[in-house]
Amino acid sequence: MAVQQNKKSPSKRGMHRAHDFISAPPLAVEPVSGETHRRHHVSPSGYYRGKKIVRTKADE
């Protein structure tokens, strides 16, 4: 069994637990399609900031 060599300070202990309480990513609503997507990401229908950026299967 592994045994720590030195005591972990309260500061380092807090840094170790930093990822335990990550909140949900912020969401945005696309003005054209009304879809909800992650901020600064392309929406599922291929829109980014009101402009069509990516062609999707629905376009063909």
PDB file of N, CA and C in Angstrom:
ATOM      1  N   MET A   1       0.839  -1.188   0.000  1.00  0.00           N
ATOM      2  CA  MET A   1       0.000   0.000   0.000  1.00  0.00           C
ATOM      3  C   MET A   1       0.882   1.248   0.000  1.00  0.00           C
ATOM      4  N   ALA A   2       0.515   2.235  -0.757  1.00  0.00           N
ATOM      5  CA  ALA A   2       1.300   3.463  -0.855  1.00  0.00           C
ATOM      6  C   ALA A   2       1.087   4.329   0.380  1.00  0.00           C
ATOM      7  N   VAL A   3       2.179   4.882   0.880  1.00  0.00           N
ATOM      8  CA  VAL A   3       2.128   5.759   2.046  1.00  0.00           C
ATOM      9  C   VAL A   3       2.785   7.075   1.670  1.00  0.00           C
ATOM     10  N   GLN A   4       2.097   8.192   1.979  1.00  0.00           N
ATOM     11  CA  GLN A   4       2.675   9.485   1.624  1.00  0.00           C
ATOM     12  C   GLN A   4       3.939   9.739   2.421  1.00  0.00           C
ATOM     13  N   GLN A   5       4.901  10.402   1.791  1.00  0.00           N
ATOM     14  CA  GLN A   5       6.163  10.670   2.441  1.00  0.00           C
ATOM     15  C   GLN A   5       6.080  11.907   3.331  1.00  0.00           C
ATOM     16  N   ASN A   6       5.350  12.927   2.865  1.00  0.00           N
ATOM     17  CA  ASN A   6       5.211  14.164   3.628  1.00  0.00           C
ATOM     18  C   ASN A   6       3.735  14.517   3.759  1.00  0.00           C
ATOM     19  N   LYS A   7       3.422  15.274   4.816  1.00  0.00           N
ATOM     20  CA  LYS A   7       2.045  15.702   5.044  1.00  0.00           C
ATOM     21  C   LYS A   7       1.639  16.708   3.976  1.00  0.00           C
ATOM     22  N   LYS A   8       0.425  16.554   3.456  1.00  0.00           N
ATOM     23  CA  LYS A   8      -0.097  17.500   2.467  1.00  0.00           C
ATOM     24  C   LYS A   8      -0.705  18.686   3.208  1.00  0.00           C
ATOM     25  N   SER A   9      -0.265  19.895   2.869  1.00  0.00           N
ATOM     26  CA  SER A   9      -0.737  21.097   3.557  1.00  0.00           C
ATOM     27  C   SER A   9      -2.201  21.376   3.191  1.00  0.00           C
ATOM     28  N   PRO A  10      -2.918  22.168   4.007  1.00  0.00           N
ATOM     29  CA  PRO A  10      -4.311  22.500   3.676  1.00  0.00           C
ATOM     30  C   PRO A  10      -4.458  23.174   2.312  1.00  0.00           C
ATOM     31  N   SER A  11      -3.477  23.977   1.932  1.00  0.00           N
ATOM     32  CA  SER A  11      -3.533  24.641   0.628  1.00  0.00           C
ATOM     33  C   SER A  11      -3.466  23.622  -0.504  1.00  0.00           C
ATOM     34  N   LYS A  12      -2.502  22.708  -0.427  1.00  0.00           N
ATOM     35  CA  LYS A  12      -2.366  21.688  -1.469  1.00  0.00           C
ATOM     36  C   LYS A  12      -3.561  20.745  -1.473  1.00  0.00           C
ATOM     37  N   ARG A  13      -4.107  20.471  -0.279  1.00  0.00           N
ATOM     38  CA  ARG A  13      -5.294  19.619  -0.194  1.00  0.00           C
ATOM     39  C   ARG A  13      -6.469  20.272  -0.929  1.00  0.00           C
ATOM     40  N   GLY A  14      -6.594  21.599  -0.772  1.00  0.00           N
ATOM     41  CA  GLY A  14      -7.661  22.314  -1.466  1.00  0.00           C
ATOM     42  C   GLY A  14      -7.458  22.302  -2.971  1.00  0.00           C
ATOM     43  N   MET A  15      -6.207  22.408  -3.415  1.00  0.00           N
ATOM     44  CA  MET A  15      -5.920  22.347  -4.848  1.00  0.00           C
ATOM     45  C   MET A  15      -6.250  20.968  -5.415  1.00  0.00           C
ATOM     46  N   HIS A  16      -6.026  19.930  -4.613  1.00  0.00           N
ATOM     47  CA  HIS A  16      -6.316  18.563  -5.037  1.00  0.00           C
ATOM     48  C   HIS A  16      -7.813  18.383  -5.268  1.00  0.00           C
ATOM     49  N   ARG A  17      -8.622  19.057  -4.468  1.00  0.00           N
ATOM     50  CA  ARG A  17     -10.069  18.920  -4.563  1.00  0.00           C
ATOM     51  C   ARG A  17     -10.706  19.968  -5.485  1.00  0.00           C
ATOM     52  N   ALA A  18      -9.914  20.683  -6.232  1.00  0.00           N
ATOM     53  CA  ALA A  18     -10.427  21.803  -7.029  1.00  0.00           C
ATOM     54  C   ALA A  18     -11.443  21.364  -8.075  1.00  0.00           C
ATOM     55  N   HIS A  19     -11.333  20.151  -8.603  1.00  0.00           N
ATOM     56  CA  HIS A  19     -12.211  19.716  -9.682  1.00  0.00           C
ATOM     57  C   HIS A  19     -13.473  19.012  -9.188  1.00  0.00           C
ATOM     58  N   ASP A  20     -13.628  18.880  -7.885  1.00  0.00           N
ATOM     59  CA  ASP A  20     -14.776  18.157  -7.364  1.00  0.00           C
ATOM     60  C   ASP A  20     -16.091  18.912  -7.550  1.00  0.00           C
ATOM     61  N   PHE A  21     -16.024  20.229  -7.663  1.00  0.00           N
ATOM     62  CA  PHE A  21     -17.244  21.022  -7.694  1.00  0.00           C
ATOM     63  C   PHE A  21     -17.336  21.877  -8.950  1.00  0.00           C
ATOM     64  N   ILE A  22     -16.958  21.318 -10.088  1.00  0.00           N
ATOM     65  CA  ILE A  22     -17.037  22.060 -11.344  1.00  0.00           C
ATOM     66  C   ILE A  22     -18.501  22.247 -11.713  1.00  0.00           C
ATOM     67  N   SER A  23     -18.861  23.451 -12.092  1.00  0.00           N
ATOM     68  CA  SER A  23     -20.248  23.738 -12.446  1.00  0.00           C
ATOM     69  C   SER A  23     -20.505  23.382 -13.910  1.00  0.00           C
ATOM     70  N   ALA A  24     -21.756  23.391 -14.290  1.00  0.00           N
ATOM     71  CA  ALA A  24     -22.140  23.084 -15.670  1.00  0.00           C
ATOM     72  C   ALA A  24     -21.634  24.182 -16.607  1.00  0.00           C
ATOM     73  N   PRO A  25     -21.316  23.843 -17.855  1.00  0.00           N
ATOM     74  CA  PRO A  25     -20.816  24.867 -18.780  1.00  0.00           C
ATOM     75  C   PRO A  25     -21.909  25.878 -19.121  1.00  0.00           C
ATOM     76  N   PRO A  26     -21.534  27.137 -19.355  1.00  0.00           N
ATOM     77  CA  PRO A  26     -22.542  28.139 -19.700  1.00  0.00           C
ATOM     78  C   PRO A  26     -23.140  27.851 -21.072  1.00  0.00           C
ATOM     79  N   LEU A  27     -24.426  28.093 -21.210  1.00  0.00           N
ATOM     80  CA  LEU A  27     -25.130  27.822 -22.454  1.00  0.00           C
ATOM     81  C   LEU A  27     -25.605  29.122 -23.089  1.00  0.00           C
ATOM     82  N   ALA A  28     -25.784  29.080 -24.390  1.00  0.00           N
ATOM     83  CA  ALA A  28     -26.279  30.234 -25.138  1.00  0.00           C
ATOM     84  C   ALA A  28     -27.388  29.769 -26.076  1.00  0.00           C
ATOM     85  N   VAL A  29     -28.213  30.703 -26.526  1.00  0.00           N
ATOM     86  CA  VAL A  29     -29.293  30.407 -27.462  1.00  0.00           C
ATOM     87  C   VAL A  29     -28.940  31.035 -28.798  1.00  0.00           C
ATOM     88  N   GLU A  30     -28.946  30.226 -29.850  1.00  0.00           N
ATOM     89  CA  GLU A  30     -28.649  30.710 -31.194  1.00  0.00           C
ATOM     90  C   GLU A  30     -29.796  31.599 -31.668  1.00  0.00           C
ATOM     91  N   PRO A  31     -29.529  32.848 -32.088  1.00  0.00           N
ATOM     92  CA  PRO A  31     -30.619  33.751 -32.470  1.00  0.00           C
ATOM     93  C   PRO A  31     -31.377  33.317 -33.716  1.00  0.00           C
ATOM     94  N   VAL A  32     -30.726  32.603 -34.633  1.00  0.00           N
ATOM     95  CA  VAL A  32     -31.386  32.219 -35.891  1.00  0.00           C
ATOM     96  C   VAL A  32     -32.296  31.019 -35.687  1.00  0.00           C
ATOM     97  N   SER A  33     -31.752  29.935 -35.106  1.00  0.00           N
ATOM     98  CA  SER A  33     -32.509  28.701 -34.995  1.00  0.00           C
ATOM     99  C   SER A  33     -33.164  28.513 -33.636  1.00  0.00           C
ATOM    100  N   GLY A  34     -32.734  29.260 -32.630  1.00  0.00           N
ATOM    101  CA  GLY A  34     -33.297  29.127 -31.301  1.00  0.00           C
ATOM    102  C   GLY A  34     -32.755  27.935 -30.530  1.00  0.00           C
ATOM    103  N   GLU A  35     -31.710  27.291 -31.046  1.00  0.00           N
ATOM    104  CA  GLU A  35     -31.144  26.121 -30.388  1.00  0.00           C
ATOM    105  C   GLU A  35     -30.248  26.532 -29.220  1.00  0.00           C
ATOM    106  N   THR A  36     -30.183  25.685 -28.225  1.00  0.00           N
ATOM    107  CA  THR A  36     -29.284  25.898 -27.094  1.00  0.00           C
ATOM    108  C   THR A  36     -27.976  25.173 -27.376  1.00  0.00           C
ATOM    109  N   HIS A  37     -26.854  25.854 -27.155  1.00  0.00           N
ATOM    110  CA  HIS A  37     -25.549  25.259 -27.386  1.00  0.00           C
ATOM    111  C   HIS A  37     -24.556  25.856 -26.409  1.00  0.00           C
ATOM    112  N   ARG A  38     -23.372  25.257 -26.310  1.00  0.00           N
ATOM    113  CA  ARG A  38     -22.332  25.795 -25.440  1.00  0.00           C
ATOM    114  C   ARG A  38     -21.817  27.106 -26.015  1.00  0.00           C
ATOM    115  N   ARG A  39     -21.496  28.040 -25.127  1.00  0.00           N
ATOM    116  CA  ARG A  39     -20.989  29.329 -25.592  1.00  0.00           C
ATOM    117  C   ARG A  39     -19.686  29.136 -26.341  1.00  0.00           C
ATOM    118  N   HIS A  40     -19.480  29.918 -27.388  1.00  0.00           N
ATOM    119  CA  HIS A  40     -18.277  29.901 -28.227  1.00  0.00           C
ATOM    120  C   HIS A  40     -18.109  28.580 -28.975  1.00  0.00           C
ATOM    121  N   HIS A  41     -19.202  27.845 -29.181  1.00  0.00           N
ATOM    122  CA  HIS A  41     -19.179  26.622 -29.966  1.00  0.00           C
ATOM    123  C   HIS A  41     -20.257  26.723 -31.042  1.00  0.00           C
ATOM    124  N   VAL A  42     -20.089  25.973 -32.112  1.00  0.00           N
ATOM    125  CA  VAL A  42     -21.067  25.949 -33.192  1.00  0.00           C
ATOM    126  C   VAL A  42     -22.289  25.181 -32.725  1.00  0.00           C
ATOM    127  N   SER A  43     -23.490  25.648 -33.092  1.00  0.00           N
ATOM    128  CA  SER A  43     -24.718  24.955 -32.714  1.00  0.00           C
ATOM    129  C   SER A  43     -24.864  23.674 -33.535  1.00  0.00           C
ATOM    130  N   PRO A  44     -25.716  22.744 -33.104  1.00  0.00           N
ATOM    131  CA  PRO A  44     -25.881  21.488 -33.841  1.00  0.00           C
ATOM    132  C   PRO A  44     -26.337  21.672 -35.293  1.00  0.00           C
ATOM    133  N   SER A  45     -27.016  22.761 -35.592  1.00  0.00           N
ATOM    134  CA  SER A  45     -27.461  22.986 -36.970  1.00  0.00           C
ATOM    135  C   SER A  45     -26.416  23.712 -37.809  1.00  0.00           C
ATOM    136  N   GLY A  46     -25.241  24.026 -37.239  1.00  0.00           N
ATOM    137  CA  GLY A  46     -24.145  24.605 -38.001  1.00  0.00           C
ATOM    138  C   GLY A  46     -24.052  26.114 -37.959  1.00  0.00           C
ATOM    139  N   TYR A  47     -24.768  26.773 -37.044  1.00  0.00           N
ATOM    140  CA  TYR A  47     -24.736  28.232 -36.946  1.00  0.00           C
ATOM    141  C   TYR A  47     -23.773  28.675 -35.848  1.00  0.00           C
ATOM    142  N   TYR A  48     -23.112  29.811 -36.072  1.00  0.00           N
ATOM    143  CA  TYR A  48     -22.275  30.435 -35.057  1.00  0.00           C
ATOM    144  C   TYR A  48     -22.489  31.937 -35.156  1.00  0.00           C
ATOM    145  N   ARG A  49     -22.978  32.524 -34.086  1.00  0.00           N
ATOM    146  CA  ARG A  49     -23.257  33.964 -34.009  1.00  0.00           C
ATOM    147  C   ARG A  49     -24.141  34.445 -35.166  1.00  0.00           C
ATOM    148  N   GLY A  50     -25.159  33.654 -35.496  1.00  0.00           N
ATOM    149  CA  GLY A  50     -26.134  34.062 -36.491  1.00  0.00           C
ATOM    150  C   GLY A  50     -25.764  33.772 -37.928  1.00  0.00           C
ATOM    151  N   LYS A  51     -24.596  33.187 -38.193  1.00  0.00           N
ATOM    152  CA  LYS A  51     -24.173  32.885 -39.560  1.00  0.00           C
ATOM    153  C   LYS A  51     -23.989  31.387 -39.727  1.00  0.00           C
ATOM    154  N   LYS A  52     -24.350  30.890 -40.912  1.00  0.00           N
ATOM    155  CA  LYS A  52     -24.180  29.472 -41.217  1.00  0.00           C
ATOM    156  C   LYS A  52     -22.703  29.216 -41.483  1.00  0.00           C
ATOM    157  N   ILE A  53     -22.067  28.379 -40.662  1.00  0.00           N
ATOM    158  CA  ILE A  53     -20.639  28.126 -40.759  1.00  0.00           C
ATOM    159  C   ILE A  53     -20.369  26.724 -41.307  1.00  0.00           C
ATOM    160  N   VAL A  54     -21.120  25.731 -40.851  1.00  0.00           N
ATOM    161  CA  VAL A  54     -20.874  24.333 -41.203  1.00  0.00           C
ATOM    162  C   VAL A  54     -22.069  23.774 -41.945  1.00  0.00           C
ATOM    163  N   ARG A  55     -21.794  23.062 -43.033  1.00  0.00           N
ATOM    164  CA  ARG A  55     -22.876  22.388 -43.749  1.00  0.00           C
ATOM    165  C   ARG A  55     -23.245  21.121 -42.995  1.00  0.00           C
ATOM    166  N   THR A  56     -24.551  20.877 -42.840  1.00  0.00           N
ATOM    167  CA  THR A  56     -25.034  19.690 -42.157  1.00  0.00           C
ATOM    168  C   THR A  56     -25.801  18.821 -43.126  1.00  0.00           C
ATOM    169  N   LYS A  57     -26.173  17.629 -42.678  1.00  0.00           N
ATOM    170  CA  LYS A  57     -26.914  16.696 -43.537  1.00  0.00           C
ATOM    171  C   LYS A  57     -28.285  17.257 -43.882  1.00  0.00           C
ATOM    172  N   ALA A  58     -28.864  18.068 -43.016  1.00  0.00           N
ATOM    173  CA  ALA A  58     -30.164  18.657 -43.287  1.00  0.00           C
ATOM    174  C   ALA A  58     -30.112  19.660 -44.438  1.00  0.00           C
ATOM    175  N   ASP A  59     -28.949  20.223 -44.737  1.00  0.00           N
ATOM    176  CA  ASP A  59     -28.811  21.191 -45.815  1.00  0.00           C
ATOM    177  C   ASP A  59     -28.836  20.518 -47.180  1.00  0.00           C
ATOM    178  N   GLU A  60     -28.438  19.275 -47.250  1.00  0.00           N
ATOM    179  CA  GLU A  60     -28.317  18.593 -48.545  1.00  0.00           C
ATOM    180  C   GLU A  60     -29.635  18.052 -49.042  1.00  0.00           C
TER     181      GLU A  60
END
